[in-house]
Amino acid sequence: MSIARLGSVVLDCPDPVALARFYAELLGGEVEDGGNGWVDLKGGTAPLAFQAAPGHMPPKWPSPERSQQFHLDVLVEDMDTAEEQVLALGATVLDAADGSPGFRVYADPAGHPFCLCAA
């Protein structure tokens, strides 16, 4: 029996509404601005929330000095189509030629790493 259940994964960022909109386009769901620098993504495939972090320093990938600390794996049916779509939303490529055909690494608009993974 577990002690608790996960409420959401919270990402620090400079603009919570903008980052929530990015993930709403990527994962589905509705952006709910709770005010005071807190935004939830409701009804999507993952419990995500975003909070304002003045002076936010995005992680670097790969970098031992500013490690990614965590990342999201996003399952997709068509890697090439999904790549075009996330780049159009504002993602940047971190490593699309990593030697593994099963995933590619990107950064969201606030600099958090995420992977597109073959479903």
Protein backbone atom coordinates (compact mmCIF):
# COMPACT_ATOMS: atom_id res chain seq x y z
CA MET A 1 0.00 0.00 0.00
CA SER A 2 1.36 3.41 -0.91
CA ILE A 3 1.69 6.34 1.46
CA ALA A 4 0.61 8.93 -1.10
CA ARG A 5 -0.28 9.53 -4.72
CA LEU A 6 1.28 11.96 -7.15
CA GLY A 7 -0.57 15.26 -7.42
CA SER A 8 1.44 16.69 -10.29
CA VAL A 9 4.90 17.26 -11.64
CA VAL A 10 5.71 20.99 -11.28
CA LEU A 11 8.09 22.77 -13.63
CA ASP A 12 9.72 26.07 -12.67
CA CYS A 13 9.76 28.52 -15.55
CA PRO A 14 9.77 32.22 -16.38
CA ASP A 15 6.28 32.21 -18.00
CA PRO A 16 3.91 29.54 -16.60
CA VAL A 17 1.03 30.30 -18.97
CA ALA A 18 3.21 30.06 -22.07
CA LEU A 19 4.84 26.81 -20.94
CA ALA A 20 1.46 25.32 -19.98
CA ARG A 21 0.17 26.16 -23.47
CA PHE A 22 3.19 24.39 -25.01
CA TYR A 23 2.43 21.23 -23.03
CA ALA A 24 -1.32 21.50 -23.69
CA GLU A 25 -0.54 21.38 -27.42
CA LEU A 26 1.88 18.49 -26.89
CA LEU A 27 -0.11 16.36 -24.42
CA GLY A 28 -3.66 17.70 -24.50
CA GLY A 29 -5.58 19.25 -21.66
CA GLU A 30 -6.78 22.67 -20.62
CA VAL A 31 -4.64 25.46 -19.21
CA GLU A 32 -5.98 26.77 -15.88
CA ASP A 33 -4.27 29.92 -14.61
CA GLY A 34 -4.59 29.85 -10.83
CA GLY A 35 -3.02 33.26 -10.49
CA ASN A 36 0.00 34.16 -8.39
CA GLY A 37 2.36 32.52 -10.88
CA TRP A 38 0.77 29.05 -10.74
CA VAL A 39 -0.81 27.31 -13.75
CA ASP A 40 -2.25 23.78 -14.00
CA LEU A 41 -2.67 21.60 -17.05
CA LYS A 42 -5.95 19.74 -16.45
CA GLY A 43 -7.44 16.81 -18.30
CA GLY A 44 -4.34 15.88 -20.28
CA THR A 45 -2.37 12.67 -20.11
CA ALA A 46 -0.12 13.77 -17.26
CA PRO A 47 -0.63 15.82 -14.08
CA LEU A 48 1.54 18.87 -14.78
CA ALA A 49 1.74 22.29 -13.15
CA PHE A 50 3.93 25.30 -13.83
CA GLN A 51 5.13 27.95 -11.41
CA ALA A 52 6.85 31.25 -11.97
CA ALA A 53 10.49 31.23 -10.97
CA PRO A 54 12.14 34.65 -11.26
CA GLY A 55 15.73 34.22 -12.38
CA HIS A 56 14.99 30.72 -13.72
CA MET A 57 18.15 29.07 -15.04
CA PRO A 58 17.23 26.24 -17.40
CA PRO A 59 19.22 23.02 -17.16
CA LYS A 60 21.89 22.29 -19.75
CA TRP A 61 21.96 18.97 -21.53
CA PRO A 62 24.32 17.27 -21.08
CA SER A 63 26.11 19.13 -18.30
CA PRO A 64 27.30 18.08 -14.85
CA GLU A 65 27.29 21.74 -13.71
CA ARG A 66 23.60 22.38 -14.55
CA SER A 67 22.16 18.88 -14.84
CA GLN A 68 18.69 18.22 -16.17
CA GLN A 69 17.59 16.76 -12.78
CA PHE A 70 14.60 15.13 -14.47
CA HIS A 71 12.96 14.99 -17.88
CA LEU A 72 9.67 13.92 -19.42
CA ASP A 73 9.39 10.98 -21.82
CA VAL A 74 6.60 11.58 -24.33
CA LEU A 75 5.36 8.59 -26.34
CA VAL A 76 4.66 9.20 -30.05
CA GLU A 77 3.59 7.00 -32.94
CA ASP A 78 5.53 8.86 -35.66
CA MET A 79 8.84 10.35 -34.55
CA ASP A 80 9.39 12.56 -37.62
CA THR A 81 5.90 14.06 -37.56
CA ALA A 82 6.08 14.65 -33.81
CA GLU A 83 9.46 16.34 -34.22
CA GLU A 84 8.05 18.77 -36.79
CA GLN A 85 5.15 19.56 -34.48
CA VAL A 86 7.16 20.17 -31.29
CA LEU A 87 9.64 22.36 -33.17
CA ALA A 88 6.72 24.41 -34.53
CA LEU A 89 5.51 24.83 -30.91
CA GLY A 90 8.87 26.27 -29.87
CA ALA A 91 10.91 23.25 -28.76
CA THR A 92 14.60 23.06 -29.65
CA VAL A 93 16.64 20.01 -30.58
CA LEU A 94 19.16 18.90 -27.97
CA ASP A 95 20.08 15.54 -29.50
CA ALA A 96 18.15 14.05 -32.39
CA ALA A 97 21.05 11.88 -33.58
CA ASP A 98 21.84 10.11 -30.34
CA GLY A 99 22.45 6.72 -31.89
CA SER A 100 19.21 5.28 -30.58
CA PRO A 101 16.26 5.05 -32.96
CA GLY A 102 13.88 4.87 -29.99
CA PHE A 103 14.11 8.45 -28.73
CA ARG A 104 15.17 12.02 -29.49
CA VAL A 105 15.97 14.75 -26.95
CA TYR A 106 14.52 18.29 -27.03
CA ALA A 107 14.11 21.28 -24.74
CA ASP A 108 10.75 22.94 -24.14
CA PRO A 109 10.54 26.74 -24.55
CA ALA A 110 11.74 27.24 -20.94
CA GLY A 111 14.73 24.90 -21.45
CA HIS A 112 13.49 21.72 -19.71
CA PRO A 113 14.64 18.57 -21.49
CA PHE A 114 12.07 16.09 -22.78
CA CYS A 115 12.28 13.07 -25.05
CA LEU A 116 10.09 11.96 -27.89
CA CYS A 117 10.00 8.19 -27.53
CA ALA A 118 8.75 5.60 -29.99
CA ALA A 119 5.48 4.18 -28.72
